[in-house]
Amino acid sequence: MIRKAFRMAVHPGRYEAYEARHNPIWPELAAVLKEHGVHSYSIFLDPSDGSLFAYVEVEDEARWNAIAETEVCRRWWRFMQPLMPTNPDASPQSTDLREVFHFAGPRPA
């Protein structure tokens, strides 16, 4: 399993709208994530500055990257564009984070 983390941001005053658009996430987007080997995906908000921390567990880097080419992902980006800083293609501006520590304790029986 590959663990990835990255940062994004939400525009001030748009935090509630950002959260509301994820609850629930579109079923077709959830299906694409699953089909592309995403096992776990969490996004955390720091309301003091609007920064987002995202953590995802994926099976394969190429499959993860291929999500960006799907129609539903592109549509999601356009839907979220008014709420966050984006690139010219409407994808969220993001910064990949490098893992420097990981601890995995014993799994419960």
PDB file of N, CA and C in Angstrom:
ATOM      1  N   MET A   1       0.844  -1.179   0.000  1.00  0.00           N
ATOM      2  CA  MET A   1       0.000   0.000   0.000  1.00  0.00           C
ATOM      3  C   MET A   1       0.891   1.244   0.000  1.00  0.00           C
ATOM      4  N   ILE A   2       0.525   2.210  -0.799  1.00  0.00           N
ATOM      5  CA  ILE A   2       1.257   3.472  -0.888  1.00  0.00           C
ATOM      6  C   ILE A   2       0.488   4.522  -0.075  1.00  0.00           C
ATOM      7  N   ARG A   3       1.177   5.203   0.829  1.00  0.00           N
ATOM      8  CA  ARG A   3       0.590   6.289   1.610  1.00  0.00           C
ATOM      9  C   ARG A   3       1.026   7.605   0.982  1.00  0.00           C
ATOM     10  N   LYS A   4       0.065   8.474   0.735  1.00  0.00           N
ATOM     11  CA  LYS A   4       0.362   9.785   0.156  1.00  0.00           C
ATOM     12  C   LYS A   4      -0.288  10.858   1.027  1.00  0.00           C
ATOM     13  N   ALA A   5       0.349  11.995   1.087  1.00  0.00           N
ATOM     14  CA  ALA A   5      -0.219  13.143   1.795  1.00  0.00           C
ATOM     15  C   ALA A   5       0.056  14.393   0.976  1.00  0.00           C
ATOM     16  N   PHE A   6      -0.860  15.333   1.051  1.00  0.00           N
ATOM     17  CA  PHE A   6      -0.677  16.597   0.335  1.00  0.00           C
ATOM     18  C   PHE A   6      -1.505  17.680   1.009  1.00  0.00           C
ATOM     19  N   ARG A   7      -1.137  18.921   0.689  1.00  0.00           N
ATOM     20  CA  ARG A   7      -1.830  20.091   1.235  1.00  0.00           C
ATOM     21  C   ARG A   7      -2.593  20.802   0.130  1.00  0.00           C
ATOM     22  N   MET A   8      -3.714  21.354   0.496  1.00  0.00           N
ATOM     23  CA  MET A   8      -4.511  22.218  -0.372  1.00  0.00           C
ATOM     24  C   MET A   8      -5.035  23.349   0.520  1.00  0.00           C
ATOM     25  N   ALA A   9      -5.978  24.123   0.017  1.00  0.00           N
ATOM     26  CA  ALA A   9      -6.541  25.200   0.829  1.00  0.00           C
ATOM     27  C   ALA A   9      -7.979  25.481   0.404  1.00  0.00           C
ATOM     28  N   VAL A  10      -8.710  26.106   1.318  1.00  0.00           N
ATOM     29  CA  VAL A  10     -10.078  26.559   1.076  1.00  0.00           C
ATOM     30  C   VAL A  10     -10.086  28.072   1.254  1.00  0.00           C
ATOM     31  N   HIS A  11     -10.819  28.764   0.387  1.00  0.00           N
ATOM     32  CA  HIS A  11     -10.936  30.213   0.518  1.00  0.00           C
ATOM     33  C   HIS A  11     -11.605  30.575   1.847  1.00  0.00           C
ATOM     34  N   PRO A  12     -11.191  31.678   2.463  1.00  0.00           N
ATOM     35  CA  PRO A  12     -11.832  32.122   3.708  1.00  0.00           C
ATOM     36  C   PRO A  12     -13.342  32.260   3.517  1.00  0.00           C
ATOM     37  N   GLY A  13     -14.069  31.846   4.536  1.00  0.00           N
ATOM     38  CA  GLY A  13     -15.517  31.947   4.504  1.00  0.00           C
ATOM     39  C   GLY A  13     -16.213  30.849   3.714  1.00  0.00           C
ATOM     40  N   ARG A  14     -15.458  29.919   3.149  1.00  0.00           N
ATOM     41  CA  ARG A  14     -16.046  28.854   2.331  1.00  0.00           C
ATOM     42  C   ARG A  14     -15.918  27.477   2.974  1.00  0.00           C
ATOM     43  N   TYR A  15     -15.499  27.444   4.229  1.00  0.00           N
ATOM     44  CA  TYR A  15     -15.227  26.174   4.909  1.00  0.00           C
ATOM     45  C   TYR A  15     -16.478  25.294   5.003  1.00  0.00           C
ATOM     46  N   GLU A  16     -17.603  25.891   5.402  1.00  0.00           N
ATOM     47  CA  GLU A  16     -18.826  25.106   5.538  1.00  0.00           C
ATOM     48  C   GLU A  16     -19.287  24.561   4.195  1.00  0.00           C
ATOM     49  N   ALA A  17     -19.190  25.372   3.154  1.00  0.00           N
ATOM     50  CA  ALA A  17     -19.582  24.913   1.813  1.00  0.00           C
ATOM     51  C   ALA A  17     -18.670  23.785   1.349  1.00  0.00           C
ATOM     52  N   TYR A  18     -17.378  23.902   1.641  1.00  0.00           N
ATOM     53  CA  TYR A  18     -16.430  22.848   1.257  1.00  0.00           C
ATOM     54  C   TYR A  18     -16.810  21.532   1.924  1.00  0.00           C
ATOM     55  N   GLU A  19     -17.059  21.591   3.211  1.00  0.00           N
ATOM     56  CA  GLU A  19     -17.423  20.375   3.941  1.00  0.00           C
ATOM     57  C   GLU A  19     -18.756  19.820   3.449  1.00  0.00           C
ATOM     58  N   ALA A  20     -19.724  20.683   3.222  1.00  0.00           N
ATOM     59  CA  ALA A  20     -21.045  20.236   2.777  1.00  0.00           C
ATOM     60  C   ALA A  20     -20.964  19.516   1.431  1.00  0.00           C
ATOM     61  N   ARG A  21     -20.102  19.969   0.543  1.00  0.00           N
ATOM     62  CA  ARG A  21     -19.990  19.332  -0.769  1.00  0.00           C
ATOM     63  C   ARG A  21     -19.368  17.941  -0.689  1.00  0.00           C
ATOM     64  N   HIS A  22     -18.746  17.622   0.413  1.00  0.00           N
ATOM     65  CA  HIS A  22     -18.163  16.288   0.595  1.00  0.00           C
ATOM     66  C   HIS A  22     -19.103  15.340   1.342  1.00  0.00           C
ATOM     67  N   ASN A  23     -20.209  15.843   1.842  1.00  0.00           N
ATOM     68  CA  ASN A  23     -21.095  15.044   2.687  1.00  0.00           C
ATOM     69  C   ASN A  23     -22.515  14.996   2.148  1.00  0.00           C
ATOM     70  N   PRO A  24     -22.864  14.015   1.353  1.00  0.00           N
ATOM     71  CA  PRO A  24     -21.989  12.914   0.937  1.00  0.00           C
ATOM     72  C   PRO A  24     -21.257  13.262  -0.356  1.00  0.00           C
ATOM     73  N   ILE A  25     -20.159  12.586  -0.579  1.00  0.00           N
ATOM     74  CA  ILE A  25     -19.439  12.728  -1.836  1.00  0.00           C
ATOM     75  C   ILE A  25     -20.271  12.066  -2.938  1.00  0.00           C
ATOM     76  N   TRP A  26     -20.134  12.527  -4.159  1.00  0.00           N
ATOM     77  CA  TRP A  26     -20.895  11.936  -5.261  1.00  0.00           C
ATOM     78  C   TRP A  26     -20.617  10.436  -5.337  1.00  0.00           C
ATOM     79  N   PRO A  27     -21.634   9.622  -5.461  1.00  0.00           N
ATOM     80  CA  PRO A  27     -21.432   8.169  -5.567  1.00  0.00           C
ATOM     81  C   PRO A  27     -20.548   7.786  -6.758  1.00  0.00           C
ATOM     82  N   GLU A  28     -20.688   8.489  -7.887  1.00  0.00           N
ATOM     83  CA  GLU A  28     -19.873   8.160  -9.056  1.00  0.00           C
ATOM     84  C   GLU A  28     -18.396   8.507  -8.833  1.00  0.00           C
ATOM     85  N   LEU A  29     -18.117   9.525  -8.023  1.00  0.00           N
ATOM     86  CA  LEU A  29     -16.725   9.848  -7.696  1.00  0.00           C
ATOM     87  C   LEU A  29     -16.170   8.809  -6.734  1.00  0.00           C
ATOM     88  N   ALA A  30     -16.961   8.407  -5.758  1.00  0.00           N
ATOM     89  CA  ALA A  30     -16.529   7.351  -4.837  1.00  0.00           C
ATOM     90  C   ALA A  30     -16.224   6.070  -5.605  1.00  0.00           C
ATOM     91  N   ALA A  31     -17.051   5.751  -6.600  1.00  0.00           N
ATOM     92  CA  ALA A  31     -16.822   4.548  -7.406  1.00  0.00           C
ATOM     93  C   ALA A  31     -15.513   4.647  -8.183  1.00  0.00           C
ATOM     94  N   VAL A  32     -15.214   5.802  -8.741  1.00  0.00           N
ATOM     95  CA  VAL A  32     -13.957   5.993  -9.484  1.00  0.00           C
ATOM     96  C   VAL A  32     -12.762   5.829  -8.550  1.00  0.00           C
ATOM     97  N   LEU A  33     -12.849   6.395  -7.359  1.00  0.00           N
ATOM     98  CA  LEU A  33     -11.758   6.248  -6.397  1.00  0.00           C
ATOM     99  C   LEU A  33     -11.517   4.774  -6.098  1.00  0.00           C
ATOM    100  N   LYS A  34     -12.587   4.054  -5.823  1.00  0.00           N
ATOM    101  CA  LYS A  34     -12.481   2.626  -5.524  1.00  0.00           C
ATOM    102  C   LYS A  34     -11.905   1.845  -6.704  1.00  0.00           C
ATOM    103  N   GLU A  35     -12.418   2.127  -7.897  1.00  0.00           N
ATOM    104  CA  GLU A  35     -11.966   1.439  -9.111  1.00  0.00           C
ATOM    105  C   GLU A  35     -10.484   1.682  -9.395  1.00  0.00           C
ATOM    106  N   HIS A  36      -9.973   2.795  -8.917  1.00  0.00           N
ATOM    107  CA  HIS A  36      -8.576   3.147  -9.151  1.00  0.00           C
ATOM    108  C   HIS A  36      -7.671   2.790  -7.972  1.00  0.00           C
ATOM    109  N   GLY A  37      -8.165   1.946  -7.066  1.00  0.00           N
ATOM    110  CA  GLY A  37      -7.321   1.408  -6.007  1.00  0.00           C
ATOM    111  C   GLY A  37      -7.141   2.280  -4.787  1.00  0.00           C
ATOM    112  N   VAL A  38      -8.063   3.198  -4.540  1.00  0.00           N
ATOM    113  CA  VAL A  38      -8.006   4.015  -3.329  1.00  0.00           C
ATOM    114  C   VAL A  38      -8.688   3.235  -2.210  1.00  0.00           C
ATOM    115  N   HIS A  39      -7.956   3.026  -1.117  1.00  0.00           N
ATOM    116  CA  HIS A  39      -8.501   2.270   0.013  1.00  0.00           C
ATOM    117  C   HIS A  39      -8.981   3.177   1.136  1.00  0.00           C
ATOM    118  N   SER A  40      -8.338   4.301   1.299  1.00  0.00           N
ATOM    119  CA  SER A  40      -8.697   5.232   2.365  1.00  0.00           C
ATOM    120  C   SER A  40      -8.318   6.634   1.912  1.00  0.00           C
ATOM    121  N   TYR A  41      -9.190   7.599   2.193  1.00  0.00           N
ATOM    122  CA  TYR A  41      -8.915   8.983   1.768  1.00  0.00           C
ATOM    123  C   TYR A  41      -9.530   9.897   2.815  1.00  0.00           C
ATOM    124  N   SER A  42      -8.725  10.708   3.460  1.00  0.00           N
ATOM    125  CA  SER A  42      -9.200  11.654   4.468  1.00  0.00           C
ATOM    126  C   SER A  42      -8.677  13.042   4.151  1.00  0.00           C
ATOM    127  N   ILE A  43      -9.487  14.052   4.437  1.00  0.00           N
ATOM    128  CA  ILE A  43      -9.075  15.446   4.305  1.00  0.00           C
ATOM    129  C   ILE A  43      -9.408  16.133   5.621  1.00  0.00           C
ATOM    130  N   PHE A  44      -8.424  16.860   6.157  1.00  0.00           N
ATOM    131  CA  PHE A  44      -8.581  17.570   7.423  1.00  0.00           C
ATOM    132  C   PHE A  44      -8.444  19.071   7.172  1.00  0.00           C
ATOM    133  N   LEU A  45      -9.281  19.861   7.830  1.00  0.00           N
ATOM    134  CA  LEU A  45      -9.275  21.315   7.698  1.00  0.00           C
ATOM    135  C   LEU A  45      -8.695  21.969   8.940  1.00  0.00           C
ATOM    136  N   ASP A  46      -7.800  22.930   8.736  1.00  0.00           N
ATOM    137  CA  ASP A  46      -7.343  23.798   9.821  1.00  0.00           C
ATOM    138  C   ASP A  46      -8.113  25.110   9.667  1.00  0.00           C
ATOM    139  N   PRO A  47      -9.130  25.344  10.488  1.00  0.00           N
ATOM    140  CA  PRO A  47      -9.952  26.537  10.318  1.00  0.00           C
ATOM    141  C   PRO A  47      -9.234  27.842  10.648  1.00  0.00           C
ATOM    142  N   SER A  48      -8.061  27.760  11.256  1.00  0.00           N
ATOM    143  CA  SER A  48      -7.342  28.999  11.567  1.00  0.00           C
ATOM    144  C   SER A  48      -6.786  29.672  10.312  1.00  0.00           C
ATOM    145  N   ASP A  49      -6.558  28.892   9.239  1.00  0.00           N
ATOM    146  CA  ASP A  49      -6.012  29.490   8.020  1.00  0.00           C
ATOM    147  C   ASP A  49      -6.567  28.892   6.721  1.00  0.00           C
ATOM    148  N   GLY A  50      -7.490  27.936   6.833  1.00  0.00           N
ATOM    149  CA  GLY A  50      -8.094  27.355   5.645  1.00  0.00           C
ATOM    150  C   GLY A  50      -7.249  26.297   4.959  1.00  0.00           C
ATOM    151  N   SER A  51      -6.166  25.884   5.603  1.00  0.00           N
ATOM    152  CA  SER A  51      -5.335  24.866   4.975  1.00  0.00           C
ATOM    153  C   SER A  51      -5.986  23.493   5.140  1.00  0.00           C
ATOM    154  N   LEU A  52      -5.777  22.662   4.135  1.00  0.00           N
ATOM    155  CA  LEU A  52      -6.284  21.296   4.137  1.00  0.00           C
ATOM    156  C   LEU A  52      -5.101  20.341   4.119  1.00  0.00           C
ATOM    157  N   PHE A  53      -5.216  19.274   4.883  1.00  0.00           N
ATOM    158  CA  PHE A  53      -4.234  18.193   4.868  1.00  0.00           C
ATOM    159  C   PHE A  53      -4.975  16.960   4.374  1.00  0.00           C
ATOM    160  N   ALA A  54      -4.497  16.366   3.292  1.00  0.00           N
ATOM    161  CA  ALA A  54      -5.140  15.177   2.733  1.00  0.00           C
ATOM    162  C   ALA A  54      -4.210  13.983   2.881  1.00  0.00           C
ATOM    163  N   TYR A  55      -4.802  12.843   3.216  1.00  0.00           N
ATOM    164  CA  TYR A  55      -4.069  11.590   3.359  1.00  0.00           C
ATOM    165  C   TYR A  55      -4.827  10.520   2.589  1.00  0.00           C
ATOM    166  N   VAL A  56      -4.107   9.782   1.750  1.00  0.00           N
ATOM    167  CA  VAL A  56      -4.740   8.751   0.942  1.00  0.00           C
ATOM    168  C   VAL A  56      -3.863   7.505   0.916  1.00  0.00           C
ATOM    169  N   GLU A  57      -4.501   6.356   0.891  1.00  0.00           N
ATOM    170  CA  GLU A  57      -3.800   5.082   0.736  1.00  0.00           C
ATOM    171  C   GLU A  57      -4.244   4.482  -0.588  1.00  0.00           C
ATOM    172  N   VAL A  58      -3.265   4.224  -1.466  1.00  0.00           N
ATOM    173  CA  VAL A  58      -3.561   3.743  -2.815  1.00  0.00           C
ATOM    174  C   VAL A  58      -2.754   2.490  -3.123  1.00  0.00           C
ATOM    175  N   GLU A  59      -3.254   1.721  -4.074  1.00  0.00           N
ATOM    176  CA  GLU A  59      -2.558   0.510  -4.488  1.00  0.00           C
ATOM    177  C   GLU A  59      -1.399   0.798  -5.433  1.00  0.00           C
ATOM    178  N   ASP A  60      -1.564   1.818  -6.266  1.00  0.00           N
ATOM    179  CA  ASP A  60      -0.619   2.039  -7.353  1.00  0.00           C
ATOM    180  C   ASP A  60      -0.594   3.517  -7.733  1.00  0.00           C
ATOM    181  N   GLU A  61       0.580   4.053  -7.902  1.00  0.00           N
ATOM    182  CA  GLU A  61       0.748   5.475  -8.240  1.00  0.00           C
ATOM    183  C   GLU A  61       0.121   5.818  -9.602  1.00  0.00           C
ATOM    184  N   ALA A  62       0.305   4.966 -10.592  1.00  0.00           N
ATOM    185  CA  ALA A  62      -0.237   5.232 -11.929  1.00  0.00           C
ATOM    186  C   ALA A  62      -1.765   5.254 -11.902  1.00  0.00           C
ATOM    187  N   ARG A  63      -2.358   4.325 -11.170  1.00  0.00           N
ATOM    188  CA  ARG A  63      -3.823   4.301 -11.064  1.00  0.00           C
ATOM    189  C   ARG A  63      -4.334   5.539 -10.334  1.00  0.00           C
ATOM    190  N   TRP A  64      -3.628   5.972  -9.301  1.00  0.00           N
ATOM    191  CA  TRP A  64      -3.984   7.200  -8.578  1.00  0.00           C
ATOM    192  C   TRP A  64      -3.942   8.386  -9.539  1.00  0.00           C
ATOM    193  N   ASN A  65      -2.874   8.501 -10.304  1.00  0.00           N
ATOM    194  CA  ASN A  65      -2.737   9.618 -11.243  1.00  0.00           C
ATOM    195  C   ASN A  65      -3.793   9.585 -12.335  1.00  0.00           C
ATOM    196  N   ALA A  66      -4.247   8.396 -12.715  1.00  0.00           N
ATOM    197  CA  ALA A  66      -5.243   8.262 -13.780  1.00  0.00           C
ATOM    198  C   ALA A  66      -6.610   8.812 -13.367  1.00  0.00           C
ATOM    199  N   ILE A  67      -6.861   8.949 -12.093  1.00  0.00           N
ATOM    200  CA  ILE A  67      -8.137   9.503 -11.637  1.00  0.00           C
ATOM    201  C   ILE A  67      -8.349  10.890 -12.226  1.00  0.00           C
ATOM    202  N   ALA A  68      -7.284  11.666 -12.325  1.00  0.00           N
ATOM    203  CA  ALA A  68      -7.371  13.037 -12.840  1.00  0.00           C
ATOM    204  C   ALA A  68      -7.858  13.095 -14.284  1.00  0.00           C
ATOM    205  N   GLU A  69      -7.764  12.007 -15.001  1.00  0.00           N
ATOM    206  CA  GLU A  69      -8.192  11.971 -16.399  1.00  0.00           C
ATOM    207  C   GLU A  69      -9.650  11.566 -16.569  1.00  0.00           C
ATOM    208  N   THR A  70     -10.321  11.208 -15.488  1.00  0.00           N
ATOM    209  CA  THR A  70     -11.710  10.771 -15.599  1.00  0.00           C
ATOM    210  C   THR A  70     -12.653  11.965 -15.699  1.00  0.00           C
ATOM    211  N   GLU A  71     -13.773  11.749 -16.371  1.00  0.00           N
ATOM    212  CA  GLU A  71     -14.766  12.807 -16.549  1.00  0.00           C
ATOM    213  C   GLU A  71     -15.323  13.259 -15.207  1.00  0.00           C
ATOM    214  N   VAL A  72     -15.601  12.315 -14.312  1.00  0.00           N
ATOM    215  CA  VAL A  72     -16.204  12.686 -13.030  1.00  0.00           C
ATOM    216  C   VAL A  72     -15.232  13.496 -12.177  1.00  0.00           C
ATOM    217  N   CYS A  73     -13.961  13.189 -12.236  1.00  0.00           N
ATOM    218  CA  CYS A  73     -12.971  13.973 -11.489  1.00  0.00           C
ATOM    219  C   CYS A  73     -12.904  15.396 -12.028  1.00  0.00           C
ATOM    220  N   ARG A  74     -12.877  15.546 -13.340  1.00  0.00           N
ATOM    221  CA  ARG A  74     -12.835  16.885 -13.944  1.00  0.00           C
ATOM    222  C   ARG A  74     -14.087  17.693 -13.579  1.00  0.00           C
ATOM    223  N   ARG A  75     -15.221  17.008 -13.579  1.00  0.00           N
ATOM    224  CA  ARG A  75     -16.468  17.666 -13.185  1.00  0.00           C
ATOM    225  C   ARG A  75     -16.410  18.075 -11.719  1.00  0.00           C
ATOM    226  N   TRP A  76     -15.863  17.233 -10.836  1.00  0.00           N
ATOM    227  CA  TRP A  76     -15.709  17.546  -9.405  1.00  0.00           C
ATOM    228  C   TRP A  76     -14.818  18.768  -9.227  1.00  0.00           C
ATOM    229  N   TRP A  77     -13.720  18.792  -9.965  1.00  0.00           N
ATOM    230  CA  TRP A  77     -12.830  19.956  -9.862  1.00  0.00           C
ATOM    231  C   TRP A  77     -13.574  21.245 -10.187  1.00  0.00           C
ATOM    232  N   ARG A  78     -14.375  21.255 -11.261  1.00  0.00           N
ATOM    233  CA  ARG A  78     -15.122  22.461 -11.638  1.00  0.00           C
ATOM    234  C   ARG A  78     -16.142  22.820 -10.553  1.00  0.00           C
ATOM    235  N   PHE A  79     -16.747  21.807  -9.943  1.00  0.00           N
ATOM    236  CA  PHE A  79     -17.715  22.013  -8.871  1.00  0.00           C
ATOM    237  C   PHE A  79     -17.053  22.652  -7.644  1.00  0.00           C
ATOM    238  N   MET A  80     -15.818  22.252  -7.358  1.00  0.00           N
ATOM    239  CA  MET A  80     -15.110  22.746  -6.179  1.00  0.00           C
ATOM    240  C   MET A  80     -14.337  24.039  -6.441  1.00  0.00           C
ATOM    241  N   GLN A  81     -14.127  24.399  -7.687  1.00  0.00           N
ATOM    242  CA  GLN A  81     -13.288  25.540  -8.063  1.00  0.00           C
ATOM    243  C   GLN A  81     -13.647  26.845  -7.353  1.00  0.00           C
ATOM    244  N   PRO A  82     -14.931  27.183  -7.158  1.00  0.00           N
ATOM    245  CA  PRO A  82     -15.233  28.446  -6.483  1.00  0.00           C
ATOM    246  C   PRO A  82     -14.808  28.481  -5.015  1.00  0.00           C
ATOM    247  N   LEU A  83     -14.506  27.324  -4.434  1.00  0.00           N
ATOM    248  CA  LEU A  83     -14.236  27.249  -3.004  1.00  0.00           C
ATOM    249  C   LEU A  83     -12.758  27.233  -2.645  1.00  0.00           C
ATOM    250  N   MET A  84     -11.874  27.024  -3.634  1.00  0.00           N
ATOM    251  CA  MET A  84     -10.466  26.814  -3.295  1.00  0.00           C
ATOM    252  C   MET A  84      -9.541  27.304  -4.402  1.00  0.00           C
ATOM    253  N   PRO A  85      -8.280  27.594  -4.050  1.00  0.00           N
ATOM    254  CA  PRO A  85      -7.311  27.967  -5.084  1.00  0.00           C
ATOM    255  C   PRO A  85      -7.120  26.808  -6.059  1.00  0.00           C
ATOM    256  N   THR A  86      -7.154  27.126  -7.363  1.00  0.00           N
ATOM    257  CA  THR A  86      -7.055  26.093  -8.383  1.00  0.00           C
ATOM    258  C   THR A  86      -6.043  26.466  -9.457  1.00  0.00           C
ATOM    259  N   ASN A  87      -5.685  25.449 -10.229  1.00  0.00           N
ATOM    260  CA  ASN A  87      -4.824  25.610 -11.394  1.00  0.00           C
ATOM    261  C   ASN A  87      -5.693  25.962 -12.606  1.00  0.00           C
ATOM    262  N   PRO A  88      -5.071  26.350 -13.735  1.00  0.00           N
ATOM    263  CA  PRO A  88      -5.858  26.693 -14.924  1.00  0.00           C
ATOM    264  C   PRO A  88      -6.804  25.583 -15.406  1.00  0.00           C
ATOM    265  N   ASP A  89      -6.488  24.310 -15.133  1.00  0.00           N
ATOM    266  CA  ASP A  89      -7.367  23.204 -15.544  1.00  0.00           C
ATOM    267  C   ASP A  89      -8.453  22.908 -14.510  1.00  0.00           C
ATOM    268  N   ALA A  90      -8.601  23.750 -13.506  1.00  0.00           N
ATOM    269  CA  ALA A  90      -9.580  23.654 -12.413  1.00  0.00           C
ATOM    270  C   ALA A  90      -9.162  22.674 -11.323  1.00  0.00           C
ATOM    271  N   SER A  91      -8.045  21.975 -11.475  1.00  0.00           N
ATOM    272  CA  SER A  91      -7.574  21.085 -10.406  1.00  0.00           C
ATOM    273  C   SER A  91      -7.153  21.933  -9.208  1.00  0.00           C
ATOM    274  N   PRO A  92      -7.335  21.398  -8.002  1.00  0.00           N
ATOM    275  CA  PRO A  92      -6.923  22.167  -6.827  1.00  0.00           C
ATOM    276  C   PRO A  92      -5.407  22.340  -6.791  1.00  0.00           C
ATOM    277  N   GLN A  93      -4.984  23.519  -6.394  1.00  0.00           N
ATOM    278  CA  GLN A  93      -3.551  23.696  -6.158  1.00  0.00           C
ATOM    279  C   GLN A  93      -3.183  22.822  -4.968  1.00  0.00           C
ATOM    280  N   SER A  94      -2.146  22.019  -5.127  1.00  0.00           N
ATOM    281  CA  SER A  94      -1.755  21.135  -4.036  1.00  0.00           C
ATOM    282  C   SER A  94      -0.241  20.984  -4.004  1.00  0.00           C
ATOM    283  N   THR A  95       0.234  20.658  -2.818  1.00  0.00           N
ATOM    284  CA  THR A  95       1.650  20.414  -2.591  1.00  0.00           C
ATOM    285  C   THR A  95       1.800  19.031  -1.988  1.00  0.00           C
ATOM    286  N   ASP A  96       2.539  18.167  -2.671  1.00  0.00           N
ATOM    287  CA  ASP A  96       2.798  16.835  -2.126  1.00  0.00           C
ATOM    288  C   ASP A  96       3.699  16.947  -0.908  1.00  0.00           C
ATOM    289  N   LEU A  97       3.450  16.114   0.068  1.00  0.00           N
ATOM    290  CA  LEU A  97       4.261  16.068   1.279  1.00  0.00           C
ATOM    291  C   LEU A  97       5.051  14.767   1.295  1.00  0.00           C
ATOM    292  N   ARG A  98       6.271  14.841   1.765  1.00  0.00           N
ATOM    293  CA  ARG A  98       7.145  13.677   1.844  1.00  0.00           C
ATOM    294  C   ARG A  98       7.039  13.064   3.228  1.00  0.00           C
ATOM    295  N   GLU A  99       6.820  11.767   3.260  1.00  0.00           N
ATOM    296  CA  GLU A  99       6.725  11.081   4.546  1.00  0.00           C
ATOM    297  C   GLU A  99       8.106  11.007   5.195  1.00  0.00           C
ATOM    298  N   VAL A 100       8.186  11.421   6.444  1.00  0.00           N
ATOM    299  CA  VAL A 100       9.455  11.356   7.171  1.00  0.00           C
ATOM    300  C   VAL A 100       9.392  10.419   8.369  1.00  0.00           C
ATOM    301  N   PHE A 101       8.173   9.969   8.711  1.00  0.00           N
ATOM    302  CA  PHE A 101       8.030   9.036   9.822  1.00  0.00           C
ATOM    303  C   PHE A 101       6.719   8.288   9.662  1.00  0.00           C
ATOM    304  N   HIS A 102       6.742   7.008   9.992  1.00  0.00           N
ATOM    305  CA  HIS A 102       5.528   6.203  10.013  1.00  0.00           C
ATOM    306  C   HIS A 102       5.674   5.126  11.062  1.00  0.00           C
ATOM    307  N   PHE A 103       4.655   4.964  11.860  1.00  0.00           N
ATOM    308  CA  PHE A 103       4.629   3.895  12.861  1.00  0.00           C
ATOM    309  C   PHE A 103       3.356   3.094  12.636  1.00  0.00           C
ATOM    310  N   ALA A 104       3.487   1.802  12.544  1.00  0.00           N
ATOM    311  CA  ALA A 104       2.320   0.920  12.431  1.00  0.00           C
ATOM    312  C   ALA A 104       2.418  -0.085  13.564  1.00  0.00           C
ATOM    313  N   GLY A 105       1.581   0.083  14.547  1.00  0.00           N
ATOM    314  CA  GLY A 105       1.562  -0.847  15.667  1.00  0.00           C
ATOM    315  C   GLY A 105       0.894  -2.153  15.286  1.00  0.00           C
ATOM    316  N   PRO A 106       0.856  -3.060  16.197  1.00  0.00           N
ATOM    317  CA  PRO A 106       0.225  -4.343  15.922  1.00  0.00           C
ATOM    318  C   PRO A 106      -1.272  -4.147  15.641  1.00  0.00           C
ATOM    319  N   ARG A 107      -1.775  -4.917  14.718  1.00  0.00           N
ATOM    320  CA  ARG A 107      -3.197  -4.842  14.372  1.00  0.00           C
ATOM    321  C   ARG A 107      -3.998  -5.672  15.374  1.00  0.00           C
ATOM    322  N   PRO A 108      -5.158  -5.164  15.787  1.00  0.00           N
ATOM    323  CA  PRO A 108      -5.990  -5.921  16.729  1.00  0.00           C
ATOM    324  C   PRO A 108      -6.425  -7.249  16.113  1.00  0.00           C
ATOM    325  N   ALA A 109      -6.560  -8.245  16.956  1.00  0.00           N
ATOM    326  CA  ALA A 109      -6.967  -9.575  16.478  1.00  0.00           C
ATOM    327  C   ALA A 109      -8.439  -9.625  16.167  1.00  0.00           C
TER     328      ALA A 109
END
